[in-house]
Amino acid sequence: MKSLRWLTWVLVLFLWGCTRLTLDNYNKITMGMDYTAVTALIGTPKTCDDVMGMRHCHWGDDKSGVDISFAGNKVLLFSAENLQ
């Protein structure tokens, strides 16, 4: 029973450490891609602000991350900093 519990914790920690916010996934983002496709690719954003029909979202933290601006639910601008 202890080994099953240990294996479960190892799996949880492994999956928690896995992130979809990678340089490879960032390079798959294209102009015009919709919000749903972006979140399926790199996950849920940390923050989003909606102003005058534009949505600006940020994934990551202060050291590395992705910023994407959407107009009409489609990617208009995107940039990344320190992704690996």
C-alpha atoms as a PDB file:
ATOM      1  CA  MET A   1       0.000   0.000   0.000  1.00  0.00           C
ATOM      2  CA  LYS A   2       2.882   2.365   0.791  1.00  0.00           C
ATOM      3  CA  SER A   3       4.422   1.780  -2.628  1.00  0.00           C
ATOM      4  CA  LEU A   4       1.145   2.719  -4.358  1.00  0.00           C
ATOM      5  CA  ARG A   5       0.941   5.937  -2.347  1.00  0.00           C
ATOM      6  CA  TRP A   6       4.597   6.713  -3.136  1.00  0.00           C
ATOM      7  CA  LEU A   7       4.047   6.051  -6.857  1.00  0.00           C
ATOM      8  CA  THR A   8       0.992   8.339  -6.844  1.00  0.00           C
ATOM      9  CA  TRP A   9       3.008  11.191  -5.307  1.00  0.00           C
ATOM     10  CA  VAL A  10       5.818  10.731  -7.820  1.00  0.00           C
ATOM     11  CA  LEU A  11       3.310  10.890 -10.683  1.00  0.00           C
ATOM     12  CA  VAL A  12       1.609  13.990  -9.262  1.00  0.00           C
ATOM     13  CA  LEU A  13       4.932  15.795  -8.827  1.00  0.00           C
ATOM     14  CA  PHE A  14       6.049  14.805 -12.322  1.00  0.00           C
ATOM     15  CA  LEU A  15       2.853  16.090 -13.923  1.00  0.00           C
ATOM     16  CA  TRP A  16       2.942  19.257 -11.834  1.00  0.00           C
ATOM     17  CA  GLY A  17       6.437  19.975 -13.127  1.00  0.00           C
ATOM     18  CA  CYS A  18       5.388  19.522 -16.741  1.00  0.00           C
ATOM     19  CA  THR A  19       4.324  22.695 -18.437  1.00  0.00           C
ATOM     20  CA  ARG A  20       2.871  23.379 -21.820  1.00  0.00           C
ATOM     21  CA  LEU A  21       4.482  26.827 -21.824  1.00  0.00           C
ATOM     22  CA  THR A  22       7.559  25.906 -23.838  1.00  0.00           C
ATOM     23  CA  LEU A  23       9.449  27.491 -26.714  1.00  0.00           C
ATOM     24  CA  ASP A  24       8.306  24.665 -29.004  1.00  0.00           C
ATOM     25  CA  ASN A  25       4.646  25.331 -28.222  1.00  0.00           C
ATOM     26  CA  TYR A  26       5.146  29.095 -28.460  1.00  0.00           C
ATOM     27  CA  ASN A  27       6.557  28.636 -31.967  1.00  0.00           C
ATOM     28  CA  LYS A  28       3.269  26.960 -32.977  1.00  0.00           C
ATOM     29  CA  ILE A  29       1.266  30.121 -32.260  1.00  0.00           C
ATOM     30  CA  THR A  30       0.248  31.971 -35.414  1.00  0.00           C
ATOM     31  CA  MET A  31      -1.484  35.230 -36.256  1.00  0.00           C
ATOM     32  CA  GLY A  32      -5.233  34.717 -36.418  1.00  0.00           C
ATOM     33  CA  MET A  33      -5.247  31.673 -34.111  1.00  0.00           C
ATOM     34  CA  ASP A  34      -8.249  31.823 -31.805  1.00  0.00           C
ATOM     35  CA  TYR A  35      -8.124  32.061 -28.002  1.00  0.00           C
ATOM     36  CA  THR A  36      -9.366  28.491 -27.494  1.00  0.00           C
ATOM     37  CA  ALA A  37      -6.632  27.049 -29.710  1.00  0.00           C
ATOM     38  CA  VAL A  38      -3.958  29.071 -27.884  1.00  0.00           C
ATOM     39  CA  THR A  39      -5.123  27.908 -24.451  1.00  0.00           C
ATOM     40  CA  ALA A  40      -5.246  24.315 -25.687  1.00  0.00           C
ATOM     41  CA  LEU A  41      -1.635  24.718 -26.804  1.00  0.00           C
ATOM     42  CA  ILE A  42      -0.020  26.581 -23.888  1.00  0.00           C
ATOM     43  CA  GLY A  43      -2.595  26.361 -21.091  1.00  0.00           C
ATOM     44  CA  THR A  44      -4.701  28.850 -19.180  1.00  0.00           C
ATOM     45  CA  PRO A  45      -3.223  32.337 -18.893  1.00  0.00           C
ATOM     46  CA  LYS A  46      -2.135  33.708 -15.539  1.00  0.00           C
ATOM     47  CA  THR A  47      -3.876  37.027 -16.239  1.00  0.00           C
ATOM     48  CA  CYS A  48      -6.079  38.608 -18.892  1.00  0.00           C
ATOM     49  CA  ASP A  49      -7.275  42.176 -19.310  1.00  0.00           C
ATOM     50  CA  ASP A  50     -10.126  43.137 -21.618  1.00  0.00           C
ATOM     51  CA  VAL A  51     -10.142  46.748 -22.862  1.00  0.00           C
ATOM     52  CA  MET A  52     -12.140  48.190 -25.755  1.00  0.00           C
ATOM     53  CA  GLY A  53     -12.603  44.896 -27.599  1.00  0.00           C
ATOM     54  CA  MET A  54      -8.986  43.813 -27.105  1.00  0.00           C
ATOM     55  CA  ARG A  55      -7.853  41.068 -24.759  1.00  0.00           C
ATOM     56  CA  HIS A  56      -4.274  41.009 -23.509  1.00  0.00           C
ATOM     57  CA  CYS A  57      -3.170  37.825 -21.695  1.00  0.00           C
ATOM     58  CA  HIS A  58       0.017  36.794 -19.933  1.00  0.00           C
ATOM     59  CA  TRP A  59       1.338  33.271 -19.325  1.00  0.00           C
ATOM     60  CA  GLY A  60       4.280  32.627 -17.014  1.00  0.00           C
ATOM     61  CA  ASP A  61       5.905  34.786 -14.340  1.00  0.00           C
ATOM     62  CA  ASP A  62       8.123  37.863 -14.043  1.00  0.00           C
ATOM     63  CA  LYS A  63      11.224  36.022 -15.320  1.00  0.00           C
ATOM     64  CA  SER A  64       9.794  34.225 -18.342  1.00  0.00           C
ATOM     65  CA  GLY A  65       6.509  34.136 -20.136  1.00  0.00           C
ATOM     66  CA  VAL A  66       4.325  34.873 -23.109  1.00  0.00           C
ATOM     67  CA  ASP A  67       2.166  37.907 -23.836  1.00  0.00           C
ATOM     68  CA  ILE A  68      -0.584  37.687 -26.435  1.00  0.00           C
ATOM     69  CA  SER A  69      -3.044  40.330 -27.591  1.00  0.00           C
ATOM     70  CA  PHE A  70      -6.316  39.171 -29.133  1.00  0.00           C
ATOM     71  CA  ALA A  71      -8.695  41.207 -31.296  1.00  0.00           C
ATOM     72  CA  GLY A  72     -12.043  39.623 -32.057  1.00  0.00           C
ATOM     73  CA  ASN A  73     -10.856  36.468 -30.237  1.00  0.00           C
ATOM     74  CA  LYS A  74      -7.943  36.071 -32.701  1.00  0.00           C
ATOM     75  CA  VAL A  75      -4.205  36.495 -32.080  1.00  0.00           C
ATOM     76  CA  LEU A  76      -3.095  39.948 -33.194  1.00  0.00           C
ATOM     77  CA  LEU A  77       0.301  40.323 -31.450  1.00  0.00           C
ATOM     78  CA  PHE A  78       2.433  37.884 -29.454  1.00  0.00           C
ATOM     79  CA  SER A  79       5.823  37.893 -27.796  1.00  0.00           C
ATOM     80  CA  ALA A  80       7.886  35.694 -25.477  1.00  0.00           C
ATOM     81  CA  GLU A  81      10.660  36.297 -22.996  1.00  0.00           C
ATOM     82  CA  ASN A  82      13.191  33.748 -21.680  1.00  0.00           C
ATOM     83  CA  LEU A  83      11.323  30.608 -22.770  1.00  0.00           C
ATOM     84  CA  GLN A  84      13.248  27.359 -22.902  1.00  0.00           C
END
